[in-house]
Amino acid sequence: MSLPKVSILYSNGNLLQDVDAVDGIAALCGTGSTAGLLGVPTTVYSLEDAEGKGFTEAAEPELYRHLKEFYGELAGNQELHVMLVPNTMTMDQMLDNTNEAGAKKLITDAQGKVRLLGVFHKPAAGYNGGTDFIDTQVGAAITKAKVFAEARLAELVPLRILIEGRVANASANNTLQPKTSSNGYAGVVLGGTRADGSASVGLALGRAVKYGAHIKLGKVANGPLAIGTAYIGDKQIKDVINLTELHDAGFISLMQHPQKAGFYFGIDRMSSTDDYRLLAYGRVVDKAAVIAAAVYVEDLEGEVAIDADGKIDVSVLSHLEAKIRQQINLNMADQISALIVYINPSQDVINTGKLTIKLRVRPFGYTSFIDIDLGLEAPAI
């Protein structure tokens, strides 16, 4: 028999300024070279604070780039957990749940705070990323990210992962289709502020934590990203002729909108086509999971009255339903469309010691596509 605990099981197939810590704390894990900083989880609160802790542009140019874009987008201070690893460690290795020196160490050190994890990799000289458009480690990282995130969920630390979509060969055709990977925990960021094949993961994290869990990365009303130029591979965004195809493949890509200045993220696609195919959907459920665990941990090893018919007493059901509704409404009323709570009164709690509470969060819909039926009309005669 295991120890008393609350478990969260995600149900699938039901849908085809600063944020509170429950859904807005991010982490960055990537490659570096400073001996005293490698493998050391560190918490920073601003770019200046990061510089003071050794993450300077001169010492760690790649991490500094992501930190600068994160805080530049956020336009304020925010808690951020960072850790550098040797450049011999690829992103799939960082996300390998058996690797105690990878991102697992960073998330564990954060003690349950992190809801968004970004990973990046600056290849060493001589590194071979394969012959395809996207570096081979990206696809491998998507696969590893699922097991990694599921393990964190089992620890009641739900999180979503943003993987750097490194371009290995800008002239090759793309063969990676993240959306076919059945992994709603991970998304691949494609495009960045440099023409070197890298992607602006820090920028994506900054836009995410700047707003609530239900706000999409590409919400146009929130204005353009805090960058002045954008590339995919070695091409400026305006010159990428297959941008639509890349976006449809399931990447979180940078883009421009007609009649709008600046750059935006497209749809926040994750590496799946199921209920958790959008980052916003996953983040909202993650927030509800944290609240639900906090609410019901108080009921572990508690008494449940059973009536003469063997059913859970009505008063118990009402209490259990009311307490989660109160907390979800208090913390998420403006982030969801509705909450459905159902507890089957016929559960055999006496013999099993187990109580199942079914929660369904109805998310907002999002206007990713707007069709305008426009034409001319002659006056009536």
Protein backbone atom coordinates (compact mmCIF):
# COMPACT_ATOMS: atom_id res chain seq x y z
CA MET A 1 0.00 0.00 0.00
CA SER A 2 1.23 3.49 -0.81
CA LEU A 3 1.22 6.54 1.47
CA PRO A 4 -1.89 8.76 1.58
CA LYS A 5 -1.80 11.24 -1.27
CA VAL A 6 -3.81 13.31 -3.73
CA SER A 7 -3.33 12.33 -7.37
CA ILE A 8 -4.24 14.37 -10.45
CA LEU A 9 -5.24 12.52 -13.62
CA TYR A 10 -5.71 14.65 -16.73
CA SER A 11 -8.80 13.69 -18.72
CA ASN A 12 -8.52 13.88 -22.49
CA GLY A 13 -11.05 13.77 -25.31
CA ASN A 14 -13.48 16.33 -23.87
CA LEU A 15 -12.60 19.10 -26.31
CA LEU A 16 -11.31 18.63 -29.71
CA GLN A 17 1.53 42.41 -15.89
CA ASP A 18 2.90 39.75 -13.43
CA VAL A 19 0.96 36.63 -12.72
CA ASP A 20 0.41 34.87 -9.41
CA ALA A 21 3.01 32.24 -8.59
CA VAL A 22 0.44 29.48 -9.09
CA ASP A 23 0.66 29.85 -12.88
CA GLY A 24 3.36 32.37 -13.69
CA ILE A 25 6.80 31.23 -12.55
CA ALA A 26 9.21 30.13 -15.29
CA ALA A 27 12.56 28.34 -15.50
CA LEU A 28 15.33 28.26 -18.10
CA CYS A 29 17.77 25.41 -18.60
CA GLY A 30 20.44 25.62 -21.26
CA THR A 31 24.09 25.33 -22.16
CA GLY A 32 26.89 27.46 -20.81
CA SER A 33 30.58 27.35 -19.95
CA THR A 34 31.28 29.10 -16.64
CA ALA A 35 32.64 26.40 -14.33
CA GLY A 36 31.23 27.85 -11.12
CA LEU A 37 27.73 28.18 -12.62
CA LEU A 38 27.34 24.83 -14.39
CA GLY A 39 24.80 22.60 -12.70
CA VAL A 40 23.92 25.22 -10.08
CA PRO A 41 20.20 26.16 -9.91
CA THR A 42 19.93 29.90 -9.37
CA THR A 43 16.99 32.24 -8.85
CA VAL A 44 17.14 35.68 -10.45
CA TYR A 45 14.64 38.52 -10.34
CA SER A 46 15.86 40.94 -13.02
CA LEU A 47 18.51 41.25 -15.70
CA GLU A 48 20.65 43.30 -13.33
CA ASP A 49 20.28 40.67 -10.63
CA ALA A 50 21.31 37.97 -13.11
CA GLU A 51 24.39 39.97 -14.11
CA GLY A 52 25.33 40.33 -10.47
CA LYS A 53 25.18 36.55 -10.08
CA GLY A 54 27.60 35.96 -12.94
CA PHE A 55 25.26 35.59 -15.92
CA THR A 56 26.81 38.43 -17.88
CA GLU A 57 26.89 38.89 -21.63
CA ALA A 58 30.65 38.41 -21.67
CA ALA A 59 30.61 35.22 -19.61
CA GLU A 60 27.40 33.58 -20.84
CA PRO A 61 26.25 35.25 -24.06
CA GLU A 62 23.58 32.65 -24.95
CA LEU A 63 21.84 32.63 -21.59
CA TYR A 64 22.20 36.41 -21.38
CA ARG A 65 20.36 36.72 -24.70
CA HIS A 66 17.41 34.72 -23.34
CA LEU A 67 17.43 36.62 -20.04
CA LYS A 68 17.52 39.97 -21.84
CA GLU A 69 14.59 39.01 -24.06
CA PHE A 70 12.65 37.55 -21.11
CA TYR A 71 12.93 40.66 -18.97
CA GLY A 72 12.65 42.98 -21.97
CA GLU A 73 9.31 41.43 -22.85
CA LEU A 74 8.16 41.34 -19.25
CA ALA A 75 9.16 44.98 -18.71
CA GLY A 76 9.51 44.40 -15.00
CA ASN A 77 10.97 42.18 -12.30
CA GLN A 78 9.95 38.55 -12.00
CA GLU A 79 11.24 35.45 -10.31
CA LEU A 80 13.03 33.18 -12.79
CA HIS A 81 14.86 29.93 -12.09
CA VAL A 82 17.91 29.27 -14.28
CA MET A 83 20.56 26.57 -14.60
CA LEU A 84 23.40 26.06 -17.03
CA VAL A 85 24.64 22.68 -18.23
CA PRO A 86 27.69 21.76 -20.36
CA ASN A 87 27.24 22.19 -24.13
CA THR A 88 27.77 18.45 -24.50
CA MET A 89 24.29 17.98 -23.02
CA THR A 90 21.57 18.21 -25.68
CA MET A 91 18.00 19.31 -25.00
CA ASP A 92 16.68 15.75 -25.01
CA GLN A 93 19.31 14.89 -22.42
CA MET A 94 18.29 17.91 -20.35
CA LEU A 95 14.72 16.59 -20.40
CA ASP A 96 15.64 12.97 -19.72
CA ASN A 97 13.84 12.19 -16.48
CA THR A 98 16.66 9.83 -15.46
CA ASN A 99 19.26 12.61 -15.76
CA GLU A 100 19.70 14.00 -12.27
CA ALA A 101 22.03 16.72 -13.61
CA GLY A 102 19.55 18.05 -16.19
CA ALA A 103 16.37 20.11 -15.97
CA LYS A 104 15.04 17.76 -13.29
CA LYS A 105 17.57 19.23 -10.87
CA LEU A 106 16.40 22.77 -11.67
CA ILE A 107 12.70 21.99 -11.24
CA THR A 108 13.30 20.05 -8.03
CA ASP A 109 15.30 22.94 -6.57
CA ALA A 110 12.41 25.31 -7.31
CA GLN A 111 10.24 23.30 -4.89
CA GLY A 112 7.05 23.20 -6.91
CA LYS A 113 6.96 26.82 -8.06
CA VAL A 114 7.70 26.42 -11.77
CA ARG A 115 4.83 26.20 -14.28
CA LEU A 116 6.80 26.90 -17.48
CA LEU A 117 10.18 25.47 -18.44
CA GLY A 118 12.25 26.62 -21.40
CA VAL A 119 15.25 24.69 -22.72
CA PHE A 120 17.91 25.85 -25.20
CA HIS A 121 21.16 24.53 -26.62
CA LYS A 122 24.13 26.33 -28.14
CA PRO A 123 26.05 23.66 -30.09
CA ALA A 124 29.76 23.26 -29.56
CA ALA A 125 32.15 23.44 -32.50
CA GLY A 126 31.87 20.31 -34.61
CA TYR A 127 28.36 19.45 -33.42
CA ASN A 128 26.25 17.62 -36.02
CA GLY A 129 22.55 18.44 -35.91
CA GLY A 130 21.66 16.20 -38.83
CA THR A 131 20.71 16.98 -42.41
CA ASP A 132 17.11 18.07 -41.87
CA PHE A 133 15.80 21.61 -41.48
CA ILE A 134 15.33 21.21 -37.72
CA ASP A 135 18.09 19.89 -35.47
CA THR A 136 17.53 16.20 -34.67
CA GLN A 137 17.71 16.85 -30.94
CA VAL A 138 14.44 18.83 -31.13
CA GLY A 139 12.33 15.81 -32.05
CA ALA A 140 14.11 13.74 -29.42
CA ALA A 141 13.45 16.48 -26.85
CA ILE A 142 9.71 16.42 -27.60
CA THR A 143 9.66 12.69 -26.84
CA LYS A 144 11.65 13.05 -23.61
CA ALA A 145 9.53 16.03 -22.51
CA LYS A 146 6.39 13.91 -22.21
CA VAL A 147 7.86 11.48 -19.70
CA PHE A 148 9.54 14.37 -17.90
CA ALA A 149 6.30 16.35 -17.54
CA GLU A 150 4.27 13.30 -16.53
CA ALA A 151 6.79 12.60 -13.77
CA ARG A 152 6.47 16.17 -12.53
CA LEU A 153 2.67 15.92 -12.58
CA ALA A 154 2.91 12.80 -10.42
CA GLU A 155 4.81 15.00 -7.95
CA LEU A 156 2.03 17.63 -8.18
CA VAL A 157 4.30 19.99 -10.10
CA PRO A 158 2.42 20.41 -13.40
CA LEU A 159 4.32 22.35 -16.04
CA ARG A 160 4.52 23.05 -19.77
CA ILE A 161 7.79 22.95 -21.65
CA LEU A 162 9.02 25.21 -24.46
CA ILE A 163 11.80 23.69 -26.57
CA GLU A 164 14.14 25.72 -28.73
CA GLY A 165 13.38 24.87 -32.37
CA ARG A 166 16.95 25.10 -33.63
CA VAL A 167 17.33 25.26 -37.40
CA ALA A 168 20.21 22.98 -38.43
CA ASN A 169 20.07 23.40 -42.22
CA ALA A 170 18.19 26.47 -43.41
CA SER A 171 18.13 25.29 -47.04
CA ALA A 172 16.62 21.86 -46.29
CA ASN A 173 12.92 21.04 -46.32
CA ASN A 174 11.23 20.65 -42.96
CA THR A 175 10.31 17.09 -42.00
CA LEU A 176 9.48 17.54 -38.31
CA GLN A 177 5.76 17.75 -37.52
CA PRO A 178 5.52 18.49 -33.78
CA LYS A 179 1.72 18.25 -33.83
CA THR A 180 1.95 14.50 -34.55
CA SER A 181 3.92 13.80 -31.36
CA SER A 182 0.94 13.34 -28.99
CA ASN A 183 2.63 15.51 -26.37
CA GLY A 184 0.54 18.42 -25.15
CA TYR A 185 3.10 19.18 -22.47
CA ALA A 186 5.68 20.52 -24.92
CA GLY A 187 5.81 23.16 -27.64
CA VAL A 188 8.59 24.06 -30.05
CA VAL A 189 9.47 27.75 -30.43
CA LEU A 190 10.57 28.55 -33.98
CA GLY A 191 12.24 31.85 -34.82
CA GLY A 192 14.27 34.41 -32.95
CA THR A 193 16.20 37.63 -32.98
CA ARG A 194 19.34 36.13 -34.52
CA ALA A 195 20.04 34.75 -37.99
CA ASP A 196 21.96 31.78 -36.60
CA GLY A 197 19.24 29.14 -36.41
CA SER A 198 18.47 29.74 -32.74
CA ALA A 199 15.02 30.48 -31.31
CA SER A 200 13.90 33.03 -28.72
CA VAL A 201 12.71 30.75 -25.93
CA GLY A 202 13.29 33.46 -23.31
CA LEU A 203 11.07 35.82 -25.27
CA ALA A 204 8.25 33.25 -25.36
CA LEU A 205 8.55 32.65 -21.61
CA GLY A 206 8.49 36.40 -20.98
CA ARG A 207 5.30 36.86 -23.01
CA ALA A 208 3.70 33.88 -21.24
CA VAL A 209 4.33 35.00 -17.66
CA LYS A 210 3.46 38.60 -18.46
CA TYR A 211 -0.21 37.61 -18.61
CA GLY A 212 -2.53 35.08 -17.01
CA ALA A 213 -2.57 31.39 -17.92
CA HIS A 214 -5.59 31.82 -20.21
CA ILE A 215 -3.99 34.52 -22.39
CA LYS A 216 -2.52 33.27 -25.66
CA LEU A 217 1.02 34.17 -26.66
CA GLY A 218 -0.19 35.67 -29.91
CA LYS A 219 -2.99 37.88 -28.60
CA VAL A 220 -2.72 40.87 -30.95
CA ALA A 221 -4.47 43.28 -28.57
CA ASN A 222 -1.53 42.92 -26.17
CA GLY A 223 0.74 44.56 -28.74
CA PRO A 224 3.85 43.42 -30.58
CA LEU A 225 6.75 41.63 -28.98
CA ALA A 226 9.58 43.71 -27.55
CA ILE A 227 11.99 42.89 -30.39
CA GLY A 228 13.05 44.86 -33.45
CA THR A 229 13.89 42.02 -35.84
CA ALA A 230 13.05 38.36 -36.28
CA TYR A 231 14.44 35.42 -38.25
CA ILE A 232 13.75 31.79 -38.90
CA GLY A 233 17.06 30.18 -39.71
CA ASP A 234 19.03 32.76 -41.68
CA LYS A 235 16.00 34.46 -43.24
CA GLN A 236 14.03 37.41 -41.98
CA ILE A 237 10.40 36.57 -41.25
CA LYS A 238 9.20 38.55 -44.27
CA ASP A 239 11.34 36.35 -46.55
CA VAL A 240 10.22 32.96 -45.18
CA ILE A 241 7.98 31.69 -47.97
CA ASN A 242 6.84 28.53 -46.16
CA LEU A 243 5.90 30.21 -42.87
CA THR A 244 2.31 28.95 -43.06
CA GLU A 245 3.47 25.38 -43.59
CA LEU A 246 5.86 25.60 -40.64
CA HIS A 247 3.12 26.98 -38.45
CA ASP A 248 0.69 24.27 -39.56
CA ALA A 249 3.32 21.63 -38.71
CA GLY A 250 2.83 22.56 -35.07
CA PHE A 251 5.58 25.06 -34.29
CA ILE A 252 5.06 28.17 -32.16
CA SER A 253 6.35 30.52 -34.81
CA LEU A 254 7.01 34.23 -35.07
CA MET A 255 5.02 36.18 -37.64
CA GLN A 256 3.80 39.60 -38.77
CA HIS A 257 0.22 40.79 -39.23
CA PRO A 258 -0.93 42.95 -42.15
CA GLN A 259 -1.41 46.59 -41.19
CA LYS A 260 0.36 46.00 -37.86
CA ALA A 261 3.90 46.99 -36.99
CA GLY A 262 6.20 44.63 -35.16
CA PHE A 263 6.36 40.89 -34.60
CA TYR A 264 3.94 38.50 -32.93
CA PHE A 265 3.73 34.85 -32.03
CA GLY A 266 1.29 32.78 -34.05
CA ILE A 267 -1.01 30.19 -32.49
CA ASP A 268 0.49 28.72 -29.31
CA ARG A 269 0.49 25.20 -30.72
CA MET A 270 1.80 22.37 -28.59
CA SER A 271 3.06 19.04 -29.91
CA SER A 272 -0.35 17.37 -30.10
CA THR A 273 -3.80 17.57 -31.65
CA ASP A 274 -5.77 16.59 -28.52
CA ASP A 275 -7.36 18.68 -25.75
CA TYR A 276 -3.99 20.12 -24.79
CA ARG A 277 -3.01 21.22 -28.29
CA LEU A 278 -2.77 24.86 -27.15
CA LEU A 279 -0.45 26.21 -24.48
CA ALA A 280 -3.30 28.25 -23.01
CA TYR A 281 -5.46 25.15 -22.53
CA GLY A 282 -2.65 23.30 -20.76
CA ARG A 283 -1.73 26.23 -18.54
CA VAL A 284 -5.32 26.70 -17.40
CA VAL A 285 -5.65 23.03 -16.49
CA ASP A 286 -2.30 23.14 -14.70
CA LYS A 287 -3.49 26.03 -12.57
CA ALA A 288 -6.70 24.18 -11.72
CA ALA A 289 -4.63 21.11 -10.81
CA VAL A 290 -2.52 23.07 -8.32
CA ILE A 291 -5.62 24.55 -6.71
CA ALA A 292 -7.41 21.18 -6.57
CA ALA A 293 -4.44 19.48 -4.93
CA ALA A 294 -4.15 22.25 -2.35
CA VAL A 295 -7.89 22.11 -1.59
CA TYR A 296 -8.26 18.36 -1.20
CA VAL A 297 -5.01 17.58 0.60
CA GLU A 298 -6.89 18.66 3.75
CA ASP A 299 -9.29 15.74 3.25
CA LEU A 300 -6.66 12.99 3.19
CA GLU A 301 -7.40 10.39 5.86
CA GLY A 302 -10.62 12.26 6.63
CA GLU A 303 -14.00 10.75 7.52
CA VAL A 304 -16.68 10.29 4.85
CA ALA A 305 -20.21 9.61 6.13
CA ILE A 306 -22.04 6.80 4.29
CA ASP A 307 -25.85 6.56 4.32
CA ALA A 308 -28.01 3.45 4.76
CA ASP A 309 -27.89 2.76 1.01
CA GLY A 310 -24.11 2.67 0.98
CA LYS A 311 -23.82 6.02 -0.76
CA ILE A 312 -21.76 9.00 0.27
CA ASP A 313 -23.88 11.28 2.40
CA VAL A 314 -25.36 14.28 0.58
CA SER A 315 -23.86 16.72 3.08
CA VAL A 316 -20.37 15.37 2.38
CA LEU A 317 -20.87 15.69 -1.38
CA SER A 318 -22.09 19.27 -1.01
CA HIS A 319 -19.10 20.18 1.14
CA LEU A 320 -16.54 18.66 -1.21
CA GLU A 321 -18.11 20.32 -4.25
CA ALA A 322 -18.52 23.72 -2.59
CA LYS A 323 -14.92 24.01 -1.42
CA ILE A 324 -13.40 23.45 -4.87
CA ARG A 325 -15.92 25.76 -6.55
CA GLN A 326 -15.08 28.48 -4.05
CA GLN A 327 -11.34 28.26 -4.68
CA ILE A 328 -11.53 27.90 -8.46
CA ASN A 329 -13.93 30.84 -8.68
CA LEU A 330 -11.75 32.90 -6.37
CA ASN A 331 -8.56 32.26 -8.33
CA MET A 332 -9.75 31.56 -11.88
CA ALA A 333 -13.17 33.11 -12.44
CA ASP A 334 -11.78 35.40 -15.15
CA GLN A 335 -9.73 32.63 -16.81
CA ILE A 336 -12.33 29.97 -17.63
CA SER A 337 -15.84 29.75 -19.04
CA ALA A 338 -17.17 27.31 -16.44
CA LEU A 339 -16.30 24.61 -13.91
CA ILE A 340 -18.15 21.30 -13.70
CA VAL A 341 -17.80 19.24 -10.53
CA TYR A 342 -19.23 15.73 -10.16
CA ILE A 343 -18.75 13.21 -7.37
CA ASN A 344 -20.39 9.82 -7.86
CA PRO A 345 -22.25 9.13 -4.58
CA SER A 346 -22.07 5.34 -5.11
CA GLN A 347 -18.29 5.01 -4.66
CA ASP A 348 -17.23 2.21 -2.30
CA VAL A 349 -15.10 4.37 -0.05
CA ILE A 350 -15.43 1.97 2.89
CA ASN A 351 -13.70 -0.92 1.13
CA THR A 352 -11.37 0.96 -1.23
CA GLY A 353 -10.41 4.03 0.80
CA LYS A 354 -10.52 5.93 -2.48
CA LEU A 355 -12.62 8.91 -3.52
CA THR A 356 -12.79 10.13 -7.12
CA ILE A 357 -13.79 13.73 -7.81
CA LYS A 358 -14.39 14.63 -11.43
CA LEU A 359 -13.49 18.21 -12.39
CA ARG A 360 -14.01 19.62 -15.86
CA VAL A 361 -12.74 23.08 -16.73
CA ARG A 362 -14.48 24.70 -19.68
CA PRO A 363 -11.86 27.00 -21.25
CA PHE A 364 -12.40 30.09 -23.31
CA GLY A 365 -12.65 29.79 -27.06
CA TYR A 366 -10.11 31.74 -29.09
CA THR A 367 -10.58 33.66 -32.34
CA SER A 368 -7.53 32.44 -34.22
CA PHE A 369 -9.36 32.78 -37.52
CA ILE A 370 -11.83 35.50 -38.46
CA ASP A 371 -13.66 35.41 -41.79
CA ILE A 372 -15.23 38.64 -43.00
CA ASP A 373 -17.93 38.32 -45.63
CA LEU A 374 -17.53 41.55 -47.57
CA GLY A 375 -19.17 42.63 -50.79
CA LEU A 376 -21.12 45.34 -52.62
CA GLU A 377 -24.86 45.79 -52.48
CA ALA A 378 -27.16 47.67 -54.80
CA PRO A 379 -29.92 49.78 -53.26
CA ALA A 380 -33.48 48.54 -53.47
CA ILE A 381 -35.47 50.07 -56.35
